[in-house]
Amino acid sequence: MVTTHTPESLSSLARGFMESRVFLTAAELDLFTLLADGPLSLEEAAAARGADRRALAILLDALTAMGLLEKADGRFTTPPSLVPLLTSRSGTSLLPLALHSVNLWDRWSRLTETVAGARPVAGDGWTRSFIGAMHAIAAPQADAIVAAVGPGSARRLLDVGGGPATYTLAFLRAAPGLRATLFDLPEVVEIARENATRAGLVDRVDLVAGDLRTDALPGGHDLAFVSAIVHMLGPARNVALFRKVHDALLPGGRVVLRDHVMSPDRTAPRAGALFAVNMLVGTKDGGTFTLEELSAWLEEAGFVRPRLLRDGERMDALVEAVRP
């Protein structure tokens, strides 16, 4: 699809970072939580955050202009409709997603250097904000994804790189006879344990710590779910991972990949093309891939009958294959 741009649309595109940066700074300062319990004056907010008065005044006014705060009689408050979405104490908060975007901001700021040949540099301290962001993204769509996968008669699920256990728990809710193994890095497994315990399902989950790039996966499963993993790896590492998944499945078992699946010319979906840039600045050889590429790698690893189970626009496409 051809998009017609105008001077105004291009100017808007060039300045699009401004509102994003204002929002991310507010998230870093946790201003929405601070202002959720009632209106505060500029002086009160500045004292609570140890902020420069002039700078905070400009920031709070900009947030108000963006509709993210309310201002009356010189006092600021978080709108009630945004309290569940932007405060740190809310179970439905998108704040972890915003804080993860702060990490992405640093990486994307080096895009020009990366395209010129510099190697991407991974930041430190990303784990909890990243995993929190993954939960915020996954929670609204997990049940629909699980329904599309269709656990059917599967008895043992392997969630590879299962993160905060959002999908693991959705599978367990959908299939009462199912038991799951969640495999992820040690620090991530502990976050998954917290979430599984909170959901009352920890007794149906085996939490296994390891690195999918170097360690074998636990075996004996008839369904494997590889969610938002393949975009982090290049072709060779994806084939190696698929071989490990193949070995972890019983004959007749299925693997389902959830990720962006790109059109043959790699320009659609738009979100997938932009996410490939995210992988460019954040990984050594990650990207977003076509169905043909994913199918070829699955077959090279020993799987048969790869197919697109569900198309999607926002990393919600599903690709299925079978271990013979």
C-alpha atoms as a PDB file:
ATOM      1  CA  MET A   1       0.000   0.000   0.000  1.00  0.00           C
ATOM      2  CA  VAL A   2       1.367   3.398  -1.021  1.00  0.00           C
ATOM      3  CA  THR A   3       1.099   6.141   1.579  1.00  0.00           C
ATOM      4  CA  THR A   4       0.865   9.724   0.368  1.00  0.00           C
ATOM      5  CA  HIS A   5       2.902  12.039   2.565  1.00  0.00           C
ATOM      6  CA  THR A   6       2.623  15.805   2.849  1.00  0.00           C
ATOM      7  CA  PRO A   7       4.996  18.365   4.358  1.00  0.00           C
ATOM      8  CA  GLU A   8       2.748  18.390   7.413  1.00  0.00           C
ATOM      9  CA  SER A   9       2.770  14.599   7.815  1.00  0.00           C
ATOM     10  CA  LEU A  10       6.544  14.458   7.423  1.00  0.00           C
ATOM     11  CA  SER A  11       6.998  17.249   9.967  1.00  0.00           C
ATOM     12  CA  SER A  12       4.758  15.348  12.363  1.00  0.00           C
ATOM     13  CA  LEU A  13       6.773  12.192  11.754  1.00  0.00           C
ATOM     14  CA  ALA A  14      10.024  14.006  12.533  1.00  0.00           C
ATOM     15  CA  ARG A  15       8.627  15.356  15.808  1.00  0.00           C
ATOM     16  CA  GLY A  16       6.831  12.182  16.881  1.00  0.00           C
ATOM     17  CA  PHE A  17       9.473  11.436  19.502  1.00  0.00           C
ATOM     18  CA  MET A  18       8.556  14.479  21.579  1.00  0.00           C
ATOM     19  CA  GLU A  19       5.323  13.235  23.145  1.00  0.00           C
ATOM     20  CA  SER A  20       6.826   9.782  23.580  1.00  0.00           C
ATOM     21  CA  ARG A  21       9.774  11.208  25.533  1.00  0.00           C
ATOM     22  CA  VAL A  22       7.485  13.278  27.773  1.00  0.00           C
ATOM     23  CA  PHE A  23       5.421  10.188  28.561  1.00  0.00           C
ATOM     24  CA  LEU A  24       8.469   8.004  29.221  1.00  0.00           C
ATOM     25  CA  THR A  25       9.996  10.562  31.584  1.00  0.00           C
ATOM     26  CA  ALA A  26       6.734  10.685  33.526  1.00  0.00           C
ATOM     27  CA  ALA A  27       6.834   6.890  33.743  1.00  0.00           C
ATOM     28  CA  GLU A  28      10.440   6.899  34.963  1.00  0.00           C
ATOM     29  CA  LEU A  29       9.515   9.406  37.673  1.00  0.00           C
ATOM     30  CA  ASP A  30       6.354   7.391  38.488  1.00  0.00           C
ATOM     31  CA  LEU A  31       4.357  10.617  38.370  1.00  0.00           C
ATOM     32  CA  PHE A  32       1.071   8.880  37.593  1.00  0.00           C
ATOM     33  CA  THR A  33       1.252   6.896  40.830  1.00  0.00           C
ATOM     34  CA  LEU A  34       2.267  10.005  42.784  1.00  0.00           C
ATOM     35  CA  LEU A  35      -0.716  11.946  41.468  1.00  0.00           C
ATOM     36  CA  ALA A  36      -3.272   9.132  41.659  1.00  0.00           C
ATOM     37  CA  ASP A  37      -4.390   9.641  45.270  1.00  0.00           C
ATOM     38  CA  GLY A  38      -5.436  13.248  44.887  1.00  0.00           C
ATOM     39  CA  PRO A  39      -4.370  16.568  43.410  1.00  0.00           C
ATOM     40  CA  LEU A  40      -0.933  17.895  44.301  1.00  0.00           C
ATOM     41  CA  SER A  41       0.516  21.339  43.752  1.00  0.00           C
ATOM     42  CA  LEU A  42       3.690  21.813  41.764  1.00  0.00           C
ATOM     43  CA  GLU A  43       5.587  22.438  44.996  1.00  0.00           C
ATOM     44  CA  GLU A  44       4.272  19.233  46.583  1.00  0.00           C
ATOM     45  CA  ALA A  45       5.071  17.135  43.504  1.00  0.00           C
ATOM     46  CA  ALA A  46       8.556  18.643  43.178  1.00  0.00           C
ATOM     47  CA  ALA A  47       9.301  17.956  46.835  1.00  0.00           C
ATOM     48  CA  ALA A  48       8.059  14.368  46.561  1.00  0.00           C
ATOM     49  CA  ARG A  49      10.303  13.629  43.584  1.00  0.00           C
ATOM     50  CA  GLY A  50      13.239  15.906  44.414  1.00  0.00           C
ATOM     51  CA  ALA A  51      12.700  17.576  41.035  1.00  0.00           C
ATOM     52  CA  ASP A  52      13.629  20.962  39.650  1.00  0.00           C
ATOM     53  CA  ARG A  53      10.549  23.159  40.036  1.00  0.00           C
ATOM     54  CA  ARG A  54      10.721  24.880  36.639  1.00  0.00           C
ATOM     55  CA  ALA A  55      11.469  21.665  34.757  1.00  0.00           C
ATOM     56  CA  LEU A  56       8.692  19.738  36.492  1.00  0.00           C
ATOM     57  CA  ALA A  57       6.195  22.536  35.837  1.00  0.00           C
ATOM     58  CA  ILE A  58       6.888  22.350  32.108  1.00  0.00           C
ATOM     59  CA  LEU A  59       6.648  18.546  32.153  1.00  0.00           C
ATOM     60  CA  LEU A  60       3.368  18.492  34.100  1.00  0.00           C
ATOM     61  CA  ASP A  61       1.796  21.080  31.806  1.00  0.00           C
ATOM     62  CA  ALA A  62       2.852  19.067  28.745  1.00  0.00           C
ATOM     63  CA  LEU A  63       1.359  15.900  30.243  1.00  0.00           C
ATOM     64  CA  THR A  64      -1.852  17.805  30.896  1.00  0.00           C
ATOM     65  CA  ALA A  65      -1.934  19.066  27.308  1.00  0.00           C
ATOM     66  CA  MET A  66      -1.536  15.458  26.153  1.00  0.00           C
ATOM     67  CA  GLY A  67      -4.521  14.374  28.256  1.00  0.00           C
ATOM     68  CA  LEU A  68      -2.425  12.278  30.618  1.00  0.00           C
ATOM     69  CA  LEU A  69      -2.985  14.508  33.654  1.00  0.00           C
ATOM     70  CA  GLU A  70      -5.719  16.870  34.827  1.00  0.00           C
ATOM     71  CA  LYS A  71      -4.988  20.374  36.143  1.00  0.00           C
ATOM     72  CA  ALA A  72      -7.315  22.525  38.206  1.00  0.00           C
ATOM     73  CA  ASP A  73      -6.506  25.485  40.427  1.00  0.00           C
ATOM     74  CA  GLY A  74      -2.803  24.863  39.928  1.00  0.00           C
ATOM     75  CA  ARG A  75      -2.985  21.286  41.172  1.00  0.00           C
ATOM     76  CA  PHE A  76      -2.369  18.121  39.152  1.00  0.00           C
ATOM     77  CA  THR A  77      -3.949  14.679  39.332  1.00  0.00           C
ATOM     78  CA  THR A  78      -3.995  11.455  37.338  1.00  0.00           C
ATOM     79  CA  PRO A  79      -7.370  10.970  35.603  1.00  0.00           C
ATOM     80  CA  PRO A  80      -9.342   8.120  37.197  1.00  0.00           C
ATOM     81  CA  SER A  81      -9.509   6.300  33.859  1.00  0.00           C
ATOM     82  CA  LEU A  82      -5.700   6.129  33.714  1.00  0.00           C
ATOM     83  CA  VAL A  83      -5.078   4.983  37.289  1.00  0.00           C
ATOM     84  CA  PRO A  84      -5.454   1.256  36.420  1.00  0.00           C
ATOM     85  CA  LEU A  85      -3.218   1.671  33.366  1.00  0.00           C
ATOM     86  CA  LEU A  86      -0.338   3.844  34.556  1.00  0.00           C
ATOM     87  CA  THR A  87       0.175   3.381  38.301  1.00  0.00           C
ATOM     88  CA  SER A  88       2.737   1.030  39.769  1.00  0.00           C
ATOM     89  CA  ARG A  89       0.330  -0.600  42.220  1.00  0.00           C
ATOM     90  CA  SER A  90      -2.215  -1.653  39.589  1.00  0.00           C
ATOM     91  CA  GLY A  91      -2.399  -5.259  38.439  1.00  0.00           C
ATOM     92  CA  THR A  92      -3.322  -4.062  34.936  1.00  0.00           C
ATOM     93  CA  SER A  93      -0.653  -1.375  34.699  1.00  0.00           C
ATOM     94  CA  LEU A  94       1.176  -0.686  31.452  1.00  0.00           C
ATOM     95  CA  LEU A  95       3.945   1.022  33.408  1.00  0.00           C
ATOM     96  CA  PRO A  96       6.358  -1.924  32.927  1.00  0.00           C
ATOM     97  CA  LEU A  97       5.815  -1.610  29.172  1.00  0.00           C
ATOM     98  CA  ALA A  98       6.662   2.101  29.357  1.00  0.00           C
ATOM     99  CA  LEU A  99       9.773   1.411  31.418  1.00  0.00           C
ATOM    100  CA  HIS A 100      10.879  -1.216  28.906  1.00  0.00           C
ATOM    101  CA  SER A 101      10.417   1.411  26.209  1.00  0.00           C
ATOM    102  CA  VAL A 102      12.903   3.581  28.091  1.00  0.00           C
ATOM    103  CA  ASN A 103      15.483   0.846  27.528  1.00  0.00           C
ATOM    104  CA  LEU A 104      14.481   0.682  23.866  1.00  0.00           C
ATOM    105  CA  TRP A 105      14.888   4.460  23.598  1.00  0.00           C
ATOM    106  CA  ASP A 106      18.585   4.122  24.385  1.00  0.00           C
ATOM    107  CA  ARG A 107      19.046   1.407  21.764  1.00  0.00           C
ATOM    108  CA  TRP A 108      17.064   3.175  19.052  1.00  0.00           C
ATOM    109  CA  SER A 109      19.092   6.334  19.645  1.00  0.00           C
ATOM    110  CA  ARG A 110      22.045   4.414  18.219  1.00  0.00           C
ATOM    111  CA  LEU A 111      20.221   3.344  15.044  1.00  0.00           C
ATOM    112  CA  THR A 112      22.262   5.569  12.732  1.00  0.00           C
ATOM    113  CA  GLU A 113      25.517   4.186  14.121  1.00  0.00           C
ATOM    114  CA  THR A 114      24.174   0.632  13.861  1.00  0.00           C
ATOM    115  CA  VAL A 115      23.215   1.043  10.205  1.00  0.00           C
ATOM    116  CA  ALA A 116      26.694   2.516   9.633  1.00  0.00           C
ATOM    117  CA  GLY A 117      28.199  -0.702  10.967  1.00  0.00           C
ATOM    118  CA  ALA A 118      28.448  -0.382  14.751  1.00  0.00           C
ATOM    119  CA  ARG A 119      27.500  -3.454  16.781  1.00  0.00           C
ATOM    120  CA  PRO A 120      24.357  -3.221  18.936  1.00  0.00           C
ATOM    121  CA  VAL A 121      25.027  -2.755  22.635  1.00  0.00           C
ATOM    122  CA  ALA A 122      22.800  -4.528  25.156  1.00  0.00           C
ATOM    123  CA  GLY A 123      21.905  -2.578  28.268  1.00  0.00           C
ATOM    124  CA  ASP A 124      21.936  -3.858  31.833  1.00  0.00           C
ATOM    125  CA  GLY A 125      19.100  -4.213  34.304  1.00  0.00           C
ATOM    126  CA  TRP A 126      16.454  -4.944  31.696  1.00  0.00           C
ATOM    127  CA  THR A 127      15.023  -8.174  33.081  1.00  0.00           C
ATOM    128  CA  ARG A 128      12.135  -7.159  35.325  1.00  0.00           C
ATOM    129  CA  SER A 129      10.958  -4.272  33.145  1.00  0.00           C
ATOM    130  CA  PHE A 130      11.219  -6.450  30.024  1.00  0.00           C
ATOM    131  CA  ILE A 131       9.319  -9.350  31.575  1.00  0.00           C
ATOM    132  CA  GLY A 132       6.734  -6.952  32.982  1.00  0.00           C
ATOM    133  CA  ALA A 133       6.303  -5.495  29.509  1.00  0.00           C
ATOM    134  CA  MET A 134       5.868  -8.965  28.039  1.00  0.00           C
ATOM    135  CA  HIS A 135       3.101  -9.702  30.534  1.00  0.00           C
ATOM    136  CA  ALA A 136       1.361  -6.393  29.766  1.00  0.00           C
ATOM    137  CA  ILE A 137       1.409  -7.222  26.056  1.00  0.00           C
ATOM    138  CA  ALA A 138       0.442 -10.879  26.431  1.00  0.00           C
ATOM    139  CA  ALA A 139      -2.306 -10.686  29.045  1.00  0.00           C
ATOM    140  CA  PRO A 140      -5.058  -9.193  26.828  1.00  0.00           C
ATOM    141  CA  GLN A 141      -4.485 -11.701  24.011  1.00  0.00           C
ATOM    142  CA  ALA A 142      -3.348 -14.851  25.805  1.00  0.00           C
ATOM    143  CA  ASP A 143      -6.743 -16.578  25.922  1.00  0.00           C
ATOM    144  CA  ALA A 144      -7.372 -15.929  22.217  1.00  0.00           C
ATOM    145  CA  ILE A 145      -3.908 -17.193  21.294  1.00  0.00           C
ATOM    146  CA  VAL A 146      -4.402 -20.371  23.328  1.00  0.00           C
ATOM    147  CA  ALA A 147      -7.799 -20.922  21.714  1.00  0.00           C
ATOM    148  CA  ALA A 148      -6.199 -20.574  18.276  1.00  0.00           C
ATOM    149  CA  VAL A 149      -3.452 -23.047  19.209  1.00  0.00           C
ATOM    150  CA  GLY A 150      -6.025 -25.495  20.539  1.00  0.00           C
ATOM    151  CA  PRO A 151      -4.315 -27.590  23.233  1.00  0.00           C
ATOM    152  CA  GLY A 152      -6.726 -30.422  22.404  1.00  0.00           C
ATOM    153  CA  SER A 153      -5.642 -33.693  23.979  1.00  0.00           C
ATOM    154  CA  ALA A 154      -2.136 -32.515  24.848  1.00  0.00           C
ATOM    155  CA  ARG A 155      -0.998 -33.605  28.299  1.00  0.00           C
ATOM    156  CA  ARG A 156       2.412 -31.924  28.597  1.00  0.00           C
ATOM    157  CA  LEU A 157       3.155 -28.389  27.430  1.00  0.00           C
ATOM    158  CA  LEU A 158       6.672 -26.994  27.035  1.00  0.00           C
ATOM    159  CA  ASP A 159       6.699 -23.179  27.098  1.00  0.00           C
ATOM    160  CA  VAL A 160      10.114 -22.275  25.668  1.00  0.00           C
ATOM    161  CA  GLY A 161      11.319 -18.932  26.992  1.00  0.00           C
ATOM    162  CA  GLY A 162       8.024 -18.687  28.834  1.00  0.00           C
ATOM    163  CA  GLY A 163       8.849 -15.402  30.571  1.00  0.00           C
ATOM    164  CA  PRO A 164       6.259 -14.292  33.127  1.00  0.00           C
ATOM    165  CA  ALA A 165       4.169 -17.470  32.536  1.00  0.00           C
ATOM    166  CA  THR A 166       1.294 -15.502  31.020  1.00  0.00           C
ATOM    167  CA  TYR A 167       0.758 -18.042  28.232  1.00  0.00           C
ATOM    168  CA  THR A 168       1.568 -21.031  30.428  1.00  0.00           C
ATOM    169  CA  LEU A 169      -1.189 -20.018  32.823  1.00  0.00           C
ATOM    170  CA  ALA A 170      -3.632 -19.387  29.972  1.00  0.00           C
ATOM    171  CA  PHE A 171      -2.979 -22.894  28.629  1.00  0.00           C
ATOM    172  CA  LEU A 172      -3.514 -24.397  32.086  1.00  0.00           C
ATOM    173  CA  ARG A 173      -6.780 -22.517  32.543  1.00  0.00           C
ATOM    174  CA  ALA A 174      -8.001 -23.686  29.141  1.00  0.00           C
ATOM    175  CA  ALA A 175      -7.041 -27.354  29.625  1.00  0.00           C
ATOM    176  CA  PRO A 176      -7.549 -28.648  33.180  1.00  0.00           C
ATOM    177  CA  GLY A 177      -5.786 -31.943  32.380  1.00  0.00           C
ATOM    178  CA  LEU A 178      -2.644 -30.241  31.098  1.00  0.00           C
ATOM    179  CA  ARG A 179       0.664 -29.968  32.944  1.00  0.00           C
ATOM    180  CA  ALA A 180       3.305 -27.452  31.854  1.00  0.00           C
ATOM    181  CA  THR A 181       7.053 -27.012  31.865  1.00  0.00           C
ATOM    182  CA  LEU A 182       8.270 -23.416  31.673  1.00  0.00           C
ATOM    183  CA  PHE A 183      11.884 -23.011  30.561  1.00  0.00           C
ATOM    184  CA  ASP A 184      13.689 -19.697  30.893  1.00  0.00           C
ATOM    185  CA  LEU A 185      16.655 -17.955  32.478  1.00  0.00           C
ATOM    186  CA  PRO A 186      17.008 -18.361  36.264  1.00  0.00           C
ATOM    187  CA  GLU A 187      15.987 -14.798  37.132  1.00  0.00           C
ATOM    188  CA  VAL A 188      12.984 -15.028  34.818  1.00  0.00           C
ATOM    189  CA  VAL A 189      11.879 -18.355  36.271  1.00  0.00           C
ATOM    190  CA  GLU A 190      11.555 -16.690  39.668  1.00  0.00           C
ATOM    191  CA  ILE A 191       9.209 -14.061  38.203  1.00  0.00           C
ATOM    192  CA  ALA A 192       7.186 -16.873  36.603  1.00  0.00           C
ATOM    193  CA  ARG A 193       7.052 -18.647  39.966  1.00  0.00           C
ATOM    194  CA  GLU A 194       5.585 -15.522  41.589  1.00  0.00           C
ATOM    195  CA  ASN A 195       2.899 -15.253  38.923  1.00  0.00           C
ATOM    196  CA  ALA A 196       2.029 -18.954  38.944  1.00  0.00           C
ATOM    197  CA  THR A 197       1.773 -18.915  42.736  1.00  0.00           C
ATOM    198  CA  ARG A 198      -0.450 -15.841  42.628  1.00  0.00           C
ATOM    199  CA  ALA A 199      -2.700 -17.608  40.092  1.00  0.00           C
ATOM    200  CA  GLY A 200      -2.932 -20.732  42.250  1.00  0.00           C
ATOM    201  CA  LEU A 201      -1.475 -22.921  39.490  1.00  0.00           C
ATOM    202  CA  VAL A 202       2.138 -23.344  40.562  1.00  0.00           C
ATOM    203  CA  ASP A 203       1.549 -27.018  41.416  1.00  0.00           C
ATOM    204  CA  ARG A 204       0.842 -27.719  37.716  1.00  0.00           C
ATOM    205  CA  VAL A 205       4.024 -26.056  36.431  1.00  0.00           C
ATOM    206  CA  ASP A 206       7.569 -27.419  36.393  1.00  0.00           C
ATOM    207  CA  LEU A 207       9.864 -24.394  36.409  1.00  0.00           C
ATOM    208  CA  VAL A 208      13.176 -25.212  34.745  1.00  0.00           C
ATOM    209  CA  ALA A 209      16.028 -22.708  34.608  1.00  0.00           C
ATOM    210  CA  GLY A 210      18.383 -22.662  31.648  1.00  0.00           C
ATOM    211  CA  ASP A 211      19.542 -20.828  28.549  1.00  0.00           C
ATOM    212  CA  LEU A 212      17.791 -21.871  25.336  1.00  0.00           C
ATOM    213  CA  ARG A 213      20.860 -20.829  23.343  1.00  0.00           C
ATOM    214  CA  THR A 214      23.183 -23.290  25.084  1.00  0.00           C
ATOM    215  CA  ASP A 215      21.159 -25.813  27.111  1.00  0.00           C
ATOM    216  CA  ALA A 216      19.046 -28.800  26.108  1.00  0.00           C
ATOM    217  CA  LEU A 217      15.302 -28.549  26.699  1.00  0.00           C
ATOM    218  CA  PRO A 218      13.479 -30.956  29.031  1.00  0.00           C
ATOM    219  CA  GLY A 219      11.790 -33.778  27.123  1.00  0.00           C
ATOM    220  CA  GLY A 220       8.564 -35.748  27.175  1.00  0.00           C
ATOM    221  CA  HIS A 221       6.136 -33.123  25.853  1.00  0.00           C
ATOM    222  CA  ASP A 222       3.444 -33.323  23.213  1.00  0.00           C
ATOM    223  CA  LEU A 223       2.991 -29.570  22.673  1.00  0.00           C
ATOM    224  CA  ALA A 224       5.701 -26.909  22.554  1.00  0.00           C
ATOM    225  CA  PHE A 225       4.981 -23.173  22.498  1.00  0.00           C
ATOM    226  CA  VAL A 226       7.774 -20.883  21.293  1.00  0.00           C
ATOM    227  CA  SER A 227       6.463 -17.402  21.875  1.00  0.00           C
ATOM    228  CA  ALA A 228       8.275 -14.242  20.716  1.00  0.00           C
ATOM    229  CA  ILE A 229      11.623 -16.015  20.564  1.00  0.00           C
ATOM    230  CA  VAL A 230      12.520 -16.513  16.905  1.00  0.00           C
ATOM    231  CA  HIS A 231      12.853 -12.782  16.231  1.00  0.00           C
ATOM    232  CA  MET A 232      15.772 -12.612  18.687  1.00  0.00           C
ATOM    233  CA  LEU A 233      17.792 -15.211  16.759  1.00  0.00           C
ATOM    234  CA  GLY A 234      19.214 -15.475  13.268  1.00  0.00           C
ATOM    235  CA  PRO A 235      18.735 -18.410  10.877  1.00  0.00           C
ATOM    236  CA  ALA A 236      21.397 -20.746  12.284  1.00  0.00           C
ATOM    237  CA  ARG A 237      20.373 -20.244  15.900  1.00  0.00           C
ATOM    238  CA  ASN A 238      16.713 -20.710  15.062  1.00  0.00           C
ATOM    239  CA  VAL A 239      17.461 -24.032  13.360  1.00  0.00           C
ATOM    240  CA  ALA A 240      19.468 -25.082  16.419  1.00  0.00           C
ATOM    241  CA  LEU A 241      16.593 -24.091  18.703  1.00  0.00           C
ATOM    242  CA  PHE A 242      14.038 -25.942  16.581  1.00  0.00           C
ATOM    243  CA  ARG A 243      16.193 -29.084  16.793  1.00  0.00           C
ATOM    244  CA  LYS A 244      16.136 -28.823  20.570  1.00  0.00           C
ATOM    245  CA  VAL A 245      12.361 -28.391  20.517  1.00  0.00           C
ATOM    246  CA  HIS A 246      12.095 -31.407  18.178  1.00  0.00           C
ATOM    247  CA  ASP A 247      14.068 -33.513  20.661  1.00  0.00           C
ATOM    248  CA  ALA A 248      11.880 -32.322  23.548  1.00  0.00           C
ATOM    249  CA  LEU A 249       8.682 -33.490  21.834  1.00  0.00           C
ATOM    250  CA  LEU A 250       7.204 -36.948  21.664  1.00  0.00           C
ATOM    251  CA  PRO A 251       6.484 -38.377  18.178  1.00  0.00           C
ATOM    252  CA  GLY A 252       3.351 -36.733  16.858  1.00  0.00           C
ATOM    253  CA  GLY A 253       3.879 -33.696  19.079  1.00  0.00           C
ATOM    254  CA  ARG A 254       3.298 -30.172  17.802  1.00  0.00           C
ATOM    255  CA  VAL A 255       5.341 -27.005  17.967  1.00  0.00           C
ATOM    256  CA  VAL A 256       3.619 -23.636  17.640  1.00  0.00           C
ATOM    257  CA  LEU A 257       5.564 -20.433  17.047  1.00  0.00           C
ATOM    258  CA  ARG A 258       4.078 -17.057  17.972  1.00  0.00           C
ATOM    259  CA  ASP A 259       5.775 -14.108  16.307  1.00  0.00           C
ATOM    260  CA  HIS A 260       5.605 -11.684  13.429  1.00  0.00           C
ATOM    261  CA  VAL A 261       5.248 -13.526  10.127  1.00  0.00           C
ATOM    262  CA  MET A 262       6.244 -11.245   7.286  1.00  0.00           C
ATOM    263  CA  SER A 263       4.954 -11.000   3.749  1.00  0.00           C
ATOM    264  CA  PRO A 264       7.369 -12.301   1.083  1.00  0.00           C
ATOM    265  CA  ASP A 265       8.617  -8.750   0.393  1.00  0.00           C
ATOM    266  CA  ARG A 266       9.023  -8.081   4.149  1.00  0.00           C
ATOM    267  CA  THR A 267       7.021  -4.841   4.133  1.00  0.00           C
ATOM    268  CA  ALA A 268       3.907  -6.125   5.894  1.00  0.00           C
ATOM    269  CA  PRO A 269       2.727  -6.130   8.535  1.00  0.00           C
ATOM    270  CA  ARG A 270       4.023  -2.642   9.268  1.00  0.00           C
ATOM    271  CA  ALA A 271       4.525  -3.487  12.939  1.00  0.00           C
ATOM    272  CA  GLY A 272       6.742  -6.399  11.929  1.00  0.00           C
ATOM    273  CA  ALA A 273       8.887  -4.258   9.631  1.00  0.00           C
ATOM    274  CA  LEU A 274       9.427  -1.742  12.448  1.00  0.00           C
ATOM    275  CA  PHE A 275      10.117  -4.536  14.922  1.00  0.00           C
ATOM    276  CA  ALA A 276      12.896  -5.762  12.666  1.00  0.00           C
ATOM    277  CA  VAL A 277      14.550  -2.386  13.293  1.00  0.00           C
ATOM    278  CA  ASN A 278      14.170  -3.031  17.013  1.00  0.00           C
ATOM    279  CA  MET A 279      16.050  -6.304  16.550  1.00  0.00           C
ATOM    280  CA  LEU A 280      18.680  -4.539  14.448  1.00  0.00           C
ATOM    281  CA  VAL A 281      19.563  -2.165  17.287  1.00  0.00           C
ATOM    282  CA  GLY A 282      19.165  -4.747  20.055  1.00  0.00           C
ATOM    283  CA  THR A 283      20.506  -8.089  18.793  1.00  0.00           C
ATOM    284  CA  LYS A 284      23.366  -9.488  16.777  1.00  0.00           C
ATOM    285  CA  ASP A 285      21.369 -11.150  14.000  1.00  0.00           C
ATOM    286  CA  GLY A 286      17.690 -11.091  14.985  1.00  0.00           C
ATOM    287  CA  GLY A 287      14.867  -9.905  12.755  1.00  0.00           C
ATOM    288  CA  THR A 288      11.392 -10.731  11.546  1.00  0.00           C
ATOM    289  CA  PHE A 289      10.946 -13.571   9.093  1.00  0.00           C
ATOM    290  CA  THR A 290       8.648 -14.885   6.389  1.00  0.00           C
ATOM    291  CA  LEU A 291       6.561 -18.040   6.507  1.00  0.00           C
ATOM    292  CA  GLU A 292       8.864 -19.554   3.883  1.00  0.00           C
ATOM    293  CA  GLU A 293      11.918 -18.974   6.069  1.00  0.00           C
ATOM    294  CA  LEU A 294      10.300 -20.326   9.224  1.00  0.00           C
ATOM    295  CA  SER A 295       8.974 -23.369   7.355  1.00  0.00           C
ATOM    296  CA  ALA A 296      12.388 -24.132   5.869  1.00  0.00           C
ATOM    297  CA  TRP A 297      14.081 -23.920   9.270  1.00  0.00           C
ATOM    298  CA  LEU A 298      11.447 -26.136  10.881  1.00  0.00           C
ATOM    299  CA  GLU A 299      11.860 -28.750   8.161  1.00  0.00           C
ATOM    300  CA  GLU A 300      15.653 -28.585   8.462  1.00  0.00           C
ATOM    301  CA  ALA A 301      15.217 -29.342  12.176  1.00  0.00           C
ATOM    302  CA  GLY A 302      13.125 -32.432  11.395  1.00  0.00           C
ATOM    303  CA  PHE A 303       9.550 -31.133  11.562  1.00  0.00           C
ATOM    304  CA  VAL A 304       6.916 -31.814   8.925  1.00  0.00           C
ATOM    305  CA  ARG A 305       3.793 -30.060   7.642  1.00  0.00           C
ATOM    306  CA  PRO A 306       4.630 -26.491   8.682  1.00  0.00           C
ATOM    307  CA  ARG A 307       1.705 -24.159   8.115  1.00  0.00           C
ATOM    308  CA  LEU A 308       0.359 -20.758   9.053  1.00  0.00           C
ATOM    309  CA  LEU A 309      -2.136 -21.466  11.791  1.00  0.00           C
ATOM    310  CA  ARG A 310      -3.161 -17.841  12.253  1.00  0.00           C
ATOM    311  CA  ASP A 311      -2.127 -14.607  10.570  1.00  0.00           C
ATOM    312  CA  GLY A 312      -1.635 -11.473  12.621  1.00  0.00           C
ATOM    313  CA  GLU A 313      -0.656  -7.832  12.558  1.00  0.00           C
ATOM    314  CA  ARG A 314       0.996  -7.380  15.959  1.00  0.00           C
ATOM    315  CA  MET A 315       3.181 -10.389  16.714  1.00  0.00           C
ATOM    316  CA  ASP A 316       0.133 -12.605  17.057  1.00  0.00           C
ATOM    317  CA  ALA A 317       0.678 -14.821  14.035  1.00  0.00           C
ATOM    318  CA  LEU A 318       1.037 -18.549  14.711  1.00  0.00           C
ATOM    319  CA  VAL A 319       3.014 -21.154  12.763  1.00  0.00           C
ATOM    320  CA  GLU A 320       2.544 -24.866  13.489  1.00  0.00           C
ATOM    321  CA  ALA A 321       4.619 -27.931  12.628  1.00  0.00           C
ATOM    322  CA  VAL A 322       4.632 -31.586  13.700  1.00  0.00           C
ATOM    323  CA  ARG A 323       7.348 -33.944  14.880  1.00  0.00           C
ATOM    324  CA  PRO A 324       6.907 -37.154  12.859  1.00  0.00           C
END
